[in-house]
Amino acid sequence: MRTASVNRDTLETQIKVSLNLDGDGRGQFNTGVPFLEHMLDQIARHGMIDLDITCNGDIEIDDHHTVEDIGITLGKAIAEAVGDKKGMTRYGHSYVPLDEALSRVVIDFSGRPGLIMNVPFTQKRIGKFDTELFYEFFQGFVNHALVTVHIDCLRGHNAHHQVETVFKAFGRALRMALTPDPRMAGTMPSTKGVL
């Protein structure tokens, strides 16, 4: 079973992430940030990852620390659950539309953190949520999952649709990359022999 449970406690946030990479797409979230929970549910459902995240963060200040630190902790948990990466597909990509919006996400479990994110948000806020915080979420994730991620919102004028297509595409790209490849069983998916 590719599972992990990671705690991260700071003066700003106390977070627990538990996940099963071979799950049924079930999500449970208690973070104090409802719109982020809606997006985390997209990762679980479309990634077919069972995902349980709780966070007690300083949201009385703002959502920044909570969003960024959840990205960090989720990245750590996925890195732990993946293990040595032998037999995994390694690369994943997905295009996802939602009405007028279309996003593409490409991921590589390369062992090297890197984020290219081109999402021209049409609004600064979705409800009370600051759209700039999604960059912080993904930056925290890639730095600790040790993956390269390219995120592009190719079109869209509704900011909610823009974000939702990104998270759905991210979940599906994760699912593809994490899927065991029977032809690679026991083999490292790299000519270097290490990732």
Protein backbone atom coordinates (compact mmCIF):
# COMPACT_ATOMS: atom_id res chain seq x y z
CA MET A 1 0.00 0.00 0.00
CA ARG A 2 1.35 3.41 -0.98
CA THR A 3 0.24 5.36 2.07
CA ALA A 4 1.63 8.12 4.27
CA SER A 5 0.67 10.22 7.26
CA VAL A 6 2.62 13.43 7.85
CA ASN A 7 2.31 16.02 10.62
CA ARG A 8 3.74 19.53 10.33
CA ASP A 9 3.57 21.86 13.32
CA THR A 10 4.74 25.46 13.31
CA LEU A 11 3.78 28.57 15.25
CA GLU A 12 1.45 29.43 12.34
CA THR A 13 -0.15 26.10 11.44
CA GLN A 14 -0.67 22.58 12.78
CA ILE A 15 -1.36 20.21 9.90
CA LYS A 16 -1.96 16.49 9.45
CA VAL A 17 -2.13 14.91 5.99
CA SER A 18 -2.98 11.23 5.55
CA LEU A 19 -3.28 9.70 2.10
CA ASN A 20 -3.52 6.52 0.09
CA LEU A 21 -2.26 6.85 -3.48
CA ASP A 22 -4.22 3.74 -4.49
CA GLY A 23 -7.51 4.85 -3.01
CA ASP A 24 -11.04 5.47 -4.26
CA GLY A 25 -10.87 9.27 -4.48
CA ARG A 26 -12.36 10.00 -1.07
CA GLY A 27 -11.53 13.28 0.62
CA GLN A 28 -12.04 14.63 4.14
CA PHE A 29 -10.98 18.18 4.88
CA ASN A 30 -11.07 20.49 7.88
CA THR A 31 -8.85 23.47 7.15
CA GLY A 32 -10.93 26.56 7.87
CA VAL A 33 -10.61 27.57 4.19
CA PRO A 34 -13.70 26.27 2.36
CA PHE A 35 -12.66 27.17 -1.19
CA LEU A 36 -9.31 25.42 -0.74
CA GLU A 37 -11.17 22.35 0.55
CA HIS A 38 -13.28 22.38 -2.63
CA MET A 39 -10.06 22.32 -4.67
CA LEU A 40 -8.41 19.64 -2.53
CA ASP A 41 -11.48 17.51 -3.15
CA GLN A 42 -10.76 17.82 -6.89
CA ILE A 43 -7.26 16.39 -6.31
CA ALA A 44 -8.68 13.47 -4.34
CA ARG A 45 -11.53 12.68 -6.73
CA HIS A 46 -9.69 13.06 -10.01
CA GLY A 47 -6.41 11.68 -8.69
CA MET A 48 -8.15 8.64 -7.14
CA ILE A 49 -6.26 9.44 -3.95
CA ASP A 50 -7.85 9.00 -0.53
CA LEU A 51 -6.93 12.25 1.17
CA ASP A 52 -7.55 13.44 4.73
CA ILE A 53 -6.26 16.90 5.66
CA THR A 54 -6.79 18.79 8.89
CA CYS A 55 -5.27 22.17 9.65
CA ASN A 56 -5.47 24.59 12.53
CA GLY A 57 -3.98 27.74 11.06
CA ASP A 58 -3.81 31.45 11.80
CA ILE A 59 -6.65 32.29 9.40
CA GLU A 60 -7.60 35.20 11.67
CA ILE A 61 -4.58 36.90 10.04
CA ASP A 62 -5.24 35.58 6.54
CA ASP A 63 -5.23 32.29 4.62
CA HIS A 64 -1.63 32.52 3.38
CA HIS A 65 0.13 30.31 5.94
CA THR A 66 -2.63 27.69 5.86
CA VAL A 67 -2.66 27.39 2.07
CA GLU A 68 1.11 27.34 1.64
CA ASP A 69 1.73 24.94 4.53
CA ILE A 70 -0.93 22.51 3.30
CA GLY A 71 0.88 22.47 -0.05
CA ILE A 72 4.16 21.74 1.75
CA THR A 73 2.68 18.95 3.89
CA LEU A 74 0.82 17.36 0.99
CA GLY A 75 4.07 17.36 -1.00
CA LYS A 76 5.91 15.64 1.85
CA ALA A 77 3.17 13.02 2.20
CA ILE A 78 3.15 12.20 -1.51
CA ALA A 79 6.96 11.95 -1.58
CA GLU A 80 6.84 9.52 1.35
CA ALA A 81 4.04 7.42 -0.15
CA VAL A 82 5.73 7.16 -3.56
CA GLY A 83 8.81 5.58 -2.02
CA ASP A 84 11.66 4.62 -4.37
CA LYS A 85 9.57 5.31 -7.53
CA LYS A 86 10.40 1.96 -9.11
CA GLY A 87 7.71 0.78 -11.49
CA MET A 88 5.77 4.05 -11.58
CA THR A 89 4.79 5.81 -14.79
CA ARG A 90 6.64 8.96 -13.59
CA TYR A 91 5.14 11.44 -16.08
CA GLY A 92 1.54 12.63 -16.16
CA HIS A 93 -0.44 15.20 -18.07
CA SER A 94 -4.03 16.29 -18.43
CA TYR A 95 -6.18 18.84 -20.18
CA VAL A 96 -9.44 19.68 -18.40
CA PRO A 97 -12.24 21.98 -19.62
CA LEU A 98 -15.01 23.55 -17.58
CA ASP A 99 -17.37 25.54 -19.74
CA GLU A 100 -15.26 28.36 -21.23
CA ALA A 101 -12.10 27.52 -19.24
CA LEU A 102 -9.38 25.07 -20.24
CA SER A 103 -6.24 24.16 -18.30
CA ARG A 104 -3.28 21.86 -18.85
CA VAL A 105 -1.07 20.36 -16.14
CA VAL A 106 2.08 18.31 -16.77
CA ILE A 107 4.02 16.63 -13.94
CA ASP A 108 7.32 14.78 -13.69
CA PHE A 109 8.39 12.90 -10.55
CA SER A 110 11.95 13.89 -11.41
CA GLY A 111 13.38 14.37 -7.93
CA ARG A 112 13.91 18.03 -8.86
CA PRO A 113 11.48 20.72 -7.68
CA GLY A 114 10.30 23.13 -10.33
CA LEU A 115 7.13 25.10 -10.95
CA ILE A 116 6.07 26.96 -14.06
CA MET A 117 2.61 28.41 -13.52
CA ASN A 118 0.88 30.55 -16.10
CA VAL A 119 -2.64 31.27 -14.87
CA PRO A 120 -3.84 34.79 -15.78
CA PHE A 121 -6.55 35.01 -13.12
CA THR A 122 -9.40 37.25 -14.21
CA GLN A 123 -10.21 38.14 -10.59
CA LYS A 124 -8.03 38.73 -7.55
CA ARG A 125 -10.55 37.03 -5.28
CA ILE A 126 -13.03 34.19 -5.50
CA GLY A 127 -15.40 35.03 -2.70
CA LYS A 128 -12.98 35.80 0.14
CA PHE A 129 -10.17 33.63 -1.29
CA ASP A 130 -7.08 35.37 -2.72
CA THR A 131 -6.24 33.67 -6.03
CA GLU A 132 -2.53 34.52 -5.62
CA LEU A 133 -2.36 31.92 -2.86
CA PHE A 134 -2.66 29.09 -5.37
CA TYR A 135 0.88 29.84 -6.54
CA GLU A 136 2.05 29.48 -2.93
CA PHE A 137 0.20 26.15 -2.62
CA PHE A 138 1.83 24.69 -5.72
CA GLN A 139 5.27 26.12 -4.89
CA GLY A 140 5.14 24.49 -1.47
CA PHE A 141 3.97 21.25 -3.05
CA VAL A 142 6.70 20.97 -5.70
CA ASN A 143 9.45 21.91 -3.26
CA HIS A 144 8.57 19.04 -0.95
CA ALA A 145 7.22 16.43 -3.35
CA LEU A 146 10.40 16.98 -5.43
CA VAL A 147 8.49 17.16 -8.70
CA THR A 148 8.42 19.42 -11.72
CA VAL A 149 4.99 20.83 -12.55
CA HIS A 150 3.90 22.99 -15.49
CA ILE A 151 0.49 24.59 -15.09
CA ASP A 152 -1.18 26.58 -17.86
CA CYS A 153 -4.69 27.98 -17.95
CA LEU A 154 -5.10 28.23 -21.70
CA ARG A 155 -8.36 30.16 -21.64
CA GLY A 156 -11.22 31.20 -19.40
CA HIS A 157 -12.89 34.32 -18.05
CA ASN A 158 -14.52 32.93 -14.90
CA ALA A 159 -11.88 32.73 -12.16
CA HIS A 160 -13.66 29.89 -10.35
CA HIS A 161 -13.64 27.88 -13.57
CA GLN A 162 -9.96 28.72 -14.14
CA VAL A 163 -8.94 27.41 -10.72
CA GLU A 164 -11.18 24.37 -10.84
CA THR A 165 -9.79 23.26 -14.22
CA VAL A 166 -6.26 23.62 -12.83
CA PHE A 167 -6.99 21.43 -9.81
CA LYS A 168 -8.91 18.82 -11.78
CA ALA A 169 -6.09 18.63 -14.34
CA PHE A 170 -3.54 18.45 -11.52
CA GLY A 171 -5.40 15.52 -9.95
CA ARG A 172 -5.62 13.65 -13.25
CA ALA A 173 -1.95 14.33 -14.08
CA LEU A 174 -0.98 13.01 -10.64
CA ARG A 175 -3.09 9.91 -11.23
CA MET A 176 -1.34 9.20 -14.53
CA ALA A 177 2.17 9.76 -13.13
CA LEU A 178 1.53 7.69 -10.00
CA THR A 179 -0.01 4.73 -11.83
CA PRO A 180 2.21 1.64 -11.69
CA ASP A 181 3.45 0.61 -15.14
CA PRO A 182 3.50 -3.21 -15.32
CA ARG A 183 6.21 -3.09 -18.00
CA MET A 184 8.42 -1.07 -15.62
CA ALA A 185 7.86 -3.32 -12.59
CA GLY A 186 10.88 -3.13 -10.29
CA THR A 187 12.64 -0.76 -12.69
CA MET A 188 13.55 2.87 -12.07
CA PRO A 189 11.91 5.05 -14.76
CA SER A 190 15.16 6.89 -15.51
CA THR A 191 18.32 6.13 -17.46
CA LYS A 192 20.26 7.56 -14.49
CA GLY A 193 18.99 4.72 -12.29
CA VAL A 194 17.85 7.16 -9.61
CA LEU A 195 15.20 9.84 -9.21
